[in-house]
Each structure stands twice: as structure tokens, then as C-alpha cells.
C-alpha atoms as a PDB file:
ATOM      1  CA  MET A   1      51.894 166.813 156.804  1.00  0.00           C
ATOM      2  CA  PRO A   2      48.097 166.215 154.906  1.00  0.00           C
ATOM      3  CA  ALA A   3      45.454 167.654 156.527  1.00  0.00           C
ATOM      4  CA  GLY A   4      43.388 164.689 158.934  1.00  0.00           C
ATOM      5  CA  THR A   5      47.057 163.038 159.663  1.00  0.00           C
ATOM      6  CA  ILE A   6      47.139 164.078 163.044  1.00  0.00           C
ATOM      7  CA  SER A   7      43.408 163.431 163.522  1.00  0.00           C
ATOM      8  CA  ALA A   8      44.444 159.181 161.851  1.00  0.00           C
ATOM      9  CA  TRP A   9      47.120 159.267 164.524  1.00  0.00           C
ATOM     10  CA  GLN A  10      44.659 159.754 167.156  1.00  0.00           C
ATOM     11  CA  ASP A  11      42.418 157.761 166.464  1.00  0.00           C
ATOM     12  CA  LEU A  12      44.690 154.676 166.218  1.00  0.00           C
ATOM     13  CA  LEU A  13      46.123 155.478 169.457  1.00  0.00           C
ATOM     14  CA  ASP A  14      42.873 155.644 170.645  1.00  0.00           C
ATOM     15  CA  TYR A  15      41.420 152.084 169.012  1.00  0.00           C
ATOM     16  CA  ALA A  16      45.103 150.849 170.600  1.00  0.00           C
ATOM     17  CA  ARG A  17      44.122 151.676 174.397  1.00  0.00           C
ATOM     18  CA  ALA A  18      40.536 150.874 173.627  1.00  0.00           C
ATOM     19  CA  HIS A  19      40.993 147.172 172.488  1.00  0.00           C
ATOM     20  CA  PRO A  20      44.146 146.146 174.367  1.00  0.00           C
ATOM     21  CA  ARG A  21      43.194 143.224 172.705  1.00  0.00           C
ATOM     22  CA  ASP A  22      43.401 143.240 169.672  1.00  0.00           C
ATOM     23  CA  PRO A  23      46.555 141.567 167.949  1.00  0.00           C
ATOM     24  CA  ARG A  24      46.864 143.981 164.833  1.00  0.00           C
ATOM     25  CA  ALA A  25      47.416 146.762 168.291  1.00  0.00           C
ATOM     26  CA  PRO A  26      51.520 146.469 168.764  1.00  0.00           C
ATOM     27  CA  GLU A  27      52.333 146.116 165.653  1.00  0.00           C
ATOM     28  CA  ALA A  28      49.299 149.153 164.860  1.00  0.00           C
ATOM     29  CA  LEU A  29      51.635 151.246 167.663  1.00  0.00           C
ATOM     30  CA  TYR A  30      54.686 149.877 165.906  1.00  0.00           C
ATOM     31  CA  TRP A  31      53.952 152.527 162.577  1.00  0.00           C
ATOM     32  CA  LEU A  32      53.360 155.440 164.663  1.00  0.00           C
ATOM     33  CA  VAL A  33      56.333 154.553 165.962  1.00  0.00           C
ATOM     34  CA  ARG A  34      58.735 154.357 162.594  1.00  0.00           C
ATOM     35  CA  ILE A  35      56.705 157.026 160.816  1.00  0.00           C
ATOM     36  CA  SER A  36      56.867 159.892 164.281  1.00  0.00           C
ATOM     37  CA  ARG A  37      60.980 158.536 163.496  1.00  0.00           C
ATOM     38  CA  TRP A  38      60.899 160.692 159.732  1.00  0.00           C
ATOM     39  CA  CYS A  39      57.026 162.445 160.171  1.00  0.00           C
ATOM     40  CA  HIS A  40      58.674 165.210 163.106  1.00  0.00           C
ATOM     41  CA  VAL A  41      55.493 166.252 164.474  1.00  0.00           C
ATOM     42  CA  ASP A  42      55.079 168.227 167.369  1.00  0.00           C
ATOM     43  CA  ASP A  43      52.304 166.005 168.955  1.00  0.00           C
ATOM     44  CA  ARG A  44      54.845 163.337 170.951  1.00  0.00           C
ATOM     45  CA  GLY A  45      51.716 161.248 168.606  1.00  0.00           C
ATOM     46  CA  GLY A  46      55.140 158.654 168.286  1.00  0.00           C
ATOM     47  CA  TYR A  47      56.614 158.363 171.349  1.00  0.00           C
ATOM     48  CA  ARG A  48      52.760 158.109 173.321  1.00  0.00           C
ATOM     49  CA  ALA A  49      52.554 154.658 170.593  1.00  0.00           C
ATOM     50  CA  PHE A  50      56.560 153.947 171.344  1.00  0.00           C
ATOM     51  CA  ARG A  51      55.537 154.227 175.245  1.00  0.00           C
ATOM     52  CA  LEU A  52      51.658 152.144 175.562  1.00  0.00           C
ATOM     53  CA  LEU A  53      53.861 149.428 173.075  1.00  0.00           C
ATOM     54  CA  HIS A  54      56.387 149.117 175.529  1.00  0.00           C
ATOM     55  CA  THR A  55      53.821 149.004 178.528  1.00  0.00           C
ATOM     56  CA  ARG A  56      51.290 146.786 177.230  1.00  0.00           C
ATOM     57  CA  TYR A  57      52.794 144.398 174.338  1.00  0.00           C
ATOM     58  CA  PRO A  58      56.570 143.971 176.878  1.00  0.00           C
ATOM     59  CA  GLY A  59      56.794 139.910 174.852  1.00  0.00           C
ATOM     60  CA  SER A  60      55.503 141.550 171.800  1.00  0.00           C
ATOM     61  CA  SER A  61      58.217 140.915 168.742  1.00  0.00           C
ATOM     62  CA  TRP A  62      56.934 143.823 167.807  1.00  0.00           C
ATOM     63  CA  THR A  63      58.744 145.899 170.853  1.00  0.00           C
ATOM     64  CA  ARG A  64      61.152 144.529 170.442  1.00  0.00           C
ATOM     65  CA  ARG A  65      61.483 146.065 167.108  1.00  0.00           C
ATOM     66  CA  SER A  66      62.128 149.589 168.555  1.00  0.00           C
ATOM     67  CA  PRO A  67      63.454 148.775 171.661  1.00  0.00           C
ATOM     68  CA  THR A  68      65.302 151.714 172.174  1.00  0.00           C
ATOM     69  CA  ILE A  69      64.505 156.382 173.598  1.00  0.00           C
ATOM     70  CA  MET A  70      66.306 159.290 173.368  1.00  0.00           C
ATOM     71  CA  THR A  71      66.560 162.358 174.619  1.00  0.00           C
ATOM     72  CA  ASP A  72      67.078 165.682 172.162  1.00  0.00           C
ATOM     73  CA  ARG A  73      68.511 168.773 173.106  1.00  0.00           C
ATOM     74  CA  ARG A  74      65.344 170.337 175.104  1.00  0.00           C
ATOM     75  CA  GLY A  75      65.546 166.759 176.842  1.00  0.00           C
ATOM     76  CA  ALA A  76      62.162 165.278 174.781  1.00  0.00           C
ATOM     77  CA  GLU A  77      62.140 162.615 174.991  1.00  0.00           C
ATOM     78  CA  PHE A  78      61.460 160.231 171.048  1.00  0.00           C
ATOM     79  CA  PRO A  79      61.692 156.934 169.932  1.00  0.00           C
ATOM     80  CA  VAL A  80      64.902 156.363 167.515  1.00  0.00           C
ATOM     81  CA  LEU A  81      65.004 153.336 165.297  1.00  0.00           C
ATOM     82  CA  GLY A  82      67.961 153.064 162.389  1.00  0.00           C
ATOM     83  CA  ILE A  83      66.757 153.394 158.463  1.00  0.00           C
ATOM     84  CA  PHE A  84      66.194 149.976 159.137  1.00  0.00           C
ATOM     85  CA  GLY A  85      64.886 149.637 162.106  1.00  0.00           C
ATOM     86  CA  ASP A  86      66.898 148.340 164.326  1.00  0.00           C
ATOM     87  CA  LEU A  87      70.373 146.963 163.532  1.00  0.00           C
ATOM     88  CA  ARG A  88      70.914 144.782 166.564  1.00  0.00           C
ATOM     89  CA  PRO A  89      71.952 140.708 165.448  1.00  0.00           C
ATOM     90  CA  GLY A  90      69.327 138.973 166.174  1.00  0.00           C
ATOM     91  CA  LEU A  91      66.217 141.387 166.880  1.00  0.00           C
END
């Protein structure tokens, strides 16, 4: 991962926490969850973005696009998306 990526990630999470009424926040959190699916970062930023997205914006269309959390062999939770997002009908 390029240098500074984790910092930018944390900056976006901090912004979304500080500005809950910003209409761009749910989409930004969604994309953090998507990116975390492929980028194997150990700082759990994707999980934090997932939790914030689902607790603060439960009715958002962006929240419905990232519906699942799974656990790895160690019991750590992480967001899960298919390669093309959620493939269930109607979402």
C-alpha cells in the first residue's frame, strides 16, 4: 500500500464521524469498506468504516450495498463483498 494511504483512510473516517450530516459520508464509508476487501490492511479500517456506515446510516442505499460481516480463522470480523458487490437480487 502506498505511503500515506492509512493516514488518508483515517482522515476520511474522522471526517465522516465529525460530519454525520454530510450527504457524501455514506458513500465514502461504503468505498472504504470496498477497498478494504481487496487491500489486506491490518489496521481494521474497513471494519470501522463498516460499523460506522451501518450504525449511523442504516437506511442508506450505500449501507444496503455492504450488508455482510464475516470472521476469519482467528475470530476477527471483516466486511465481505462479492467481486461485483452484493449479488443478491433487489440490492
